[in-house]
C-alpha atoms as a PDB file:
ATOM      1  CA  UNK A   1      56.675  40.325 -37.869  1.00  0.00           C
ATOM      2  CA  UNK A   2      58.162  37.097 -36.534  1.00  0.00           C
ATOM      3  CA  UNK A   3      59.174  38.833 -33.327  1.00  0.00           C
ATOM      4  CA  UNK A   4      55.568  40.214 -32.745  1.00  0.00           C
ATOM      5  CA  UNK A   5      54.192  36.680 -33.402  1.00  0.00           C
ATOM      6  CA  UNK A   6      56.656  35.191 -30.787  1.00  0.00           C
ATOM      7  CA  UNK A   7      55.593  37.871 -28.264  1.00  0.00           C
ATOM      8  CA  UNK A   8      51.902  37.271 -28.917  1.00  0.00           C
ATOM      9  CA  UNK A   9      52.453  33.517 -28.471  1.00  0.00           C
ATOM     10  CA  UNK A  10      54.437  33.988 -25.280  1.00  0.00           C
ATOM     11  CA  UNK A  11      51.834  36.360 -23.812  1.00  0.00           C
ATOM     12  CA  UNK A  12      48.995  33.800 -24.730  1.00  0.00           C
ATOM     13  CA  UNK A  13      50.824  30.980 -22.958  1.00  0.00           C
ATOM     14  CA  UNK A  14      51.678  33.002 -20.022  1.00  0.00           C
ATOM     15  CA  UNK A  15      47.965  34.098 -19.579  1.00  0.00           C
ATOM     16  CA  UNK A  16      46.739  30.677 -19.931  1.00  0.00           C
ATOM     17  CA  UNK A  17      49.339  29.337 -17.346  1.00  0.00           C
ATOM     18  CA  UNK A  18      48.283  31.980 -14.929  1.00  0.00           C
ATOM     19  CA  UNK A  19      44.505  31.169 -15.522  1.00  0.00           C
ATOM     20  CA  UNK A  20      45.362  27.509 -14.820  1.00  0.00           C
ATOM     21  CA  UNK A  21      47.412  28.207 -11.799  1.00  0.00           C
ATOM     22  CA  UNK A  22      44.551  30.483 -10.470  1.00  0.00           C
ATOM     23  CA  UNK A  23      41.936  27.874 -11.123  1.00  0.00           C
ATOM     24  CA  UNK A  24      43.945  24.997  -9.473  1.00  0.00           C
ATOM     25  CA  UNK A  25      46.446  26.481  -7.160  1.00  0.00           C
ATOM     26  CA  UNK A  26      46.945  23.395  -4.883  1.00  0.00           C
ATOM     27  CA  UNK A  27      46.423  20.756  -7.499  1.00  0.00           C
ATOM     28  CA  UNK A  28      48.642  21.487 -10.437  1.00  0.00           C
ATOM     29  CA  UNK A  29      52.301  21.827 -11.117  1.00  0.00           C
ATOM     30  CA  UNK A  30      52.662  24.018 -14.140  1.00  0.00           C
ATOM     31  CA  UNK A  31      56.206  22.824 -14.810  1.00  0.00           C
ATOM     32  CA  UNK A  32      54.737  19.314 -15.329  1.00  0.00           C
ATOM     33  CA  UNK A  33      52.061  20.730 -17.711  1.00  0.00           C
ATOM     34  CA  UNK A  34      54.950  22.519 -19.571  1.00  0.00           C
ATOM     35  CA  UNK A  35      56.976  19.403 -19.889  1.00  0.00           C
ATOM     36  CA  UNK A  36      54.115  17.268 -21.065  1.00  0.00           C
ATOM     37  CA  UNK A  37      53.217  19.944 -23.709  1.00  0.00           C
ATOM     38  CA  UNK A  38      56.768  20.011 -25.024  1.00  0.00           C
ATOM     39  CA  UNK A  39      56.881  16.318 -25.311  1.00  0.00           C
ATOM     40  CA  UNK A  40      53.593  16.270 -27.376  1.00  0.00           C
ATOM     41  CA  UNK A  41      54.751  19.262 -29.517  1.00  0.00           C
ATOM     42  CA  UNK A  42      58.069  17.539 -30.268  1.00  0.00           C
ATOM     43  CA  UNK A  43      56.234  14.276 -31.283  1.00  0.00           C
ATOM     44  CA  UNK A  44      53.867  16.295 -33.484  1.00  0.00           C
ATOM     45  CA  UNK A  45      56.809  18.032 -35.007  1.00  0.00           C
ATOM     46  CA  UNK A  46      58.570  14.714 -35.781  1.00  0.00           C
ATOM     47  CA  UNK A  47      55.354  13.382 -37.297  1.00  0.00           C
ATOM     48  CA  UNK A  48      55.081  16.390 -39.638  1.00  0.00           C
ATOM     49  CA  UNK A  49      58.717  15.960 -40.817  1.00  0.00           C
ATOM     50  CA  UNK A  50      58.074  12.262 -41.522  1.00  0.00           C
ATOM     51  CA  UNK A  51      54.907  13.361 -43.509  1.00  0.00           C
ATOM     52  CA  UNK A  52      57.119  15.901 -45.350  1.00  0.00           C
ATOM     53  CA  UNK A  53      59.712  13.049 -46.202  1.00  0.00           C
ATOM     54  CA  UNK A  54      57.001  10.818 -47.353  1.00  0.00           C
ATOM     55  CA  UNK A  55      55.539  13.523 -49.643  1.00  0.00           C
ATOM     56  CA  UNK A  56      58.890  14.279 -51.051  1.00  0.00           C
ATOM     57  CA  UNK A  57      59.643  10.541 -51.839  1.00  0.00           C
ATOM     58  CA  UNK A  58      56.233  10.446 -53.640  1.00  0.00           C
ATOM     59  CA  UNK A  59      57.192  13.594 -55.631  1.00  0.00           C
ATOM     60  CA  UNK A  60      54.445  15.748 -54.200  1.00  0.00           C
ATOM     61  CA  UNK A  61      56.698  18.741 -53.622  1.00  0.00           C
ATOM     62  CA  UNK A  62      53.885  21.161 -52.626  1.00  0.00           C
ATOM     63  CA  UNK A  63      52.499  18.825 -49.962  1.00  0.00           C
ATOM     64  CA  UNK A  64      56.126  18.316 -48.651  1.00  0.00           C
ATOM     65  CA  UNK A  65      56.658  21.907 -48.416  1.00  0.00           C
ATOM     66  CA  UNK A  66      53.417  22.328 -46.479  1.00  0.00           C
ATOM     67  CA  UNK A  67      54.294  19.542 -43.869  1.00  0.00           C
ATOM     68  CA  UNK A  68      57.834  20.836 -43.545  1.00  0.00           C
ATOM     69  CA  UNK A  69      56.536  24.535 -42.940  1.00  0.00           C
ATOM     70  CA  UNK A  70      54.213  23.033 -40.286  1.00  0.00           C
ATOM     71  CA  UNK A  71      57.002  21.346 -38.536  1.00  0.00           C
ATOM     72  CA  UNK A  72      59.041  24.451 -38.565  1.00  0.00           C
ATOM     73  CA  UNK A  73      56.192  26.417 -36.949  1.00  0.00           C
ATOM     74  CA  UNK A  74      55.893  23.662 -34.304  1.00  0.00           C
ATOM     75  CA  UNK A  75      59.643  23.968 -33.659  1.00  0.00           C
ATOM     76  CA  UNK A  76      59.158  27.668 -33.188  1.00  0.00           C
ATOM     77  CA  UNK A  77      56.324  27.045 -30.683  1.00  0.00           C
ATOM     78  CA  UNK A  78      58.529  24.653 -28.811  1.00  0.00           C
ATOM     79  CA  UNK A  79      61.255  27.195 -28.533  1.00  0.00           C
ATOM     80  CA  UNK A  80      58.701  29.775 -27.167  1.00  0.00           C
ATOM     81  CA  UNK A  81      57.139  27.447 -24.693  1.00  0.00           C
ATOM     82  CA  UNK A  82      60.383  26.121 -23.417  1.00  0.00           C
ATOM     83  CA  UNK A  83      61.678  29.532 -22.816  1.00  0.00           C
ATOM     84  CA  UNK A  84      58.793  30.566 -20.607  1.00  0.00           C
ATOM     85  CA  UNK A  85      59.579  30.685 -16.955  1.00  0.00           C
ATOM     86  CA  UNK A  86      56.903  28.979 -14.923  1.00  0.00           C
ATOM     87  CA  UNK A  87      56.170  31.075 -11.630  1.00  0.00           C
ATOM     88  CA  UNK A  88      56.932  29.304  -8.437  1.00  0.00           C
ATOM     89  CA  UNK A  89      54.124  29.035  -5.812  1.00  0.00           C
ATOM     90  CA  UNK A  90      54.087  32.008  -3.405  1.00  0.00           C
ATOM     91  CA  UNK A  91      56.524  31.490  -0.596  1.00  0.00           C
ATOM     92  CA  UNK A  92      55.180  32.223   2.912  1.00  0.00           C
ATOM     93  CA  UNK A  93      56.826  34.749   5.163  1.00  0.00           C
ATOM     94  CA  UNK A  94      57.264  32.149   7.852  1.00  0.00           C
ATOM     95  CA  UNK A  95      59.827  30.018   5.893  1.00  0.00           C
ATOM     96  CA  UNK A  96      61.207  28.925   2.551  1.00  0.00           C
ATOM     97  CA  UNK A  97      58.511  26.270   1.823  1.00  0.00           C
ATOM     98  CA  UNK A  98      55.152  27.193   0.432  1.00  0.00           C
ATOM     99  CA  UNK A  99      52.363  27.274   3.097  1.00  0.00           C
ATOM    100  CA  UNK A 100      54.471  25.586   5.708  1.00  0.00           C
ATOM    101  CA  UNK A 101      56.417  26.892   8.588  1.00  0.00           C
ATOM    102  CA  UNK A 102      60.201  27.041   8.910  1.00  0.00           C
ATOM    103  CA  UNK A 103      62.034  23.804   8.565  1.00  0.00           C
ATOM    104  CA  UNK A 104      62.706  21.966  11.858  1.00  0.00           C
ATOM    105  CA  UNK A 105      66.199  21.778  12.961  1.00  0.00           C
END
């Protein structure tokens, strides 16, 4: 079941990245978007782990388990998002650089 969940999440993220790339082909670097998302997800996972520790110190085991489970799910999402290969812009037939001719010698 976890493998199916990972595949669904990967497909969702890939579809979304393709939609973003199609909507803004010249304005957006998807690798930057991916990196920023990973930073925010890591911060959110850390915050959830801190909340779990706080709840554990207060003796609220149920709340601690909930925060910890959420942080683990976030870590799983980080693994999936970081493993997604962002497609490079289409290379022109004239050269190795997108939408530009061959490099001058």
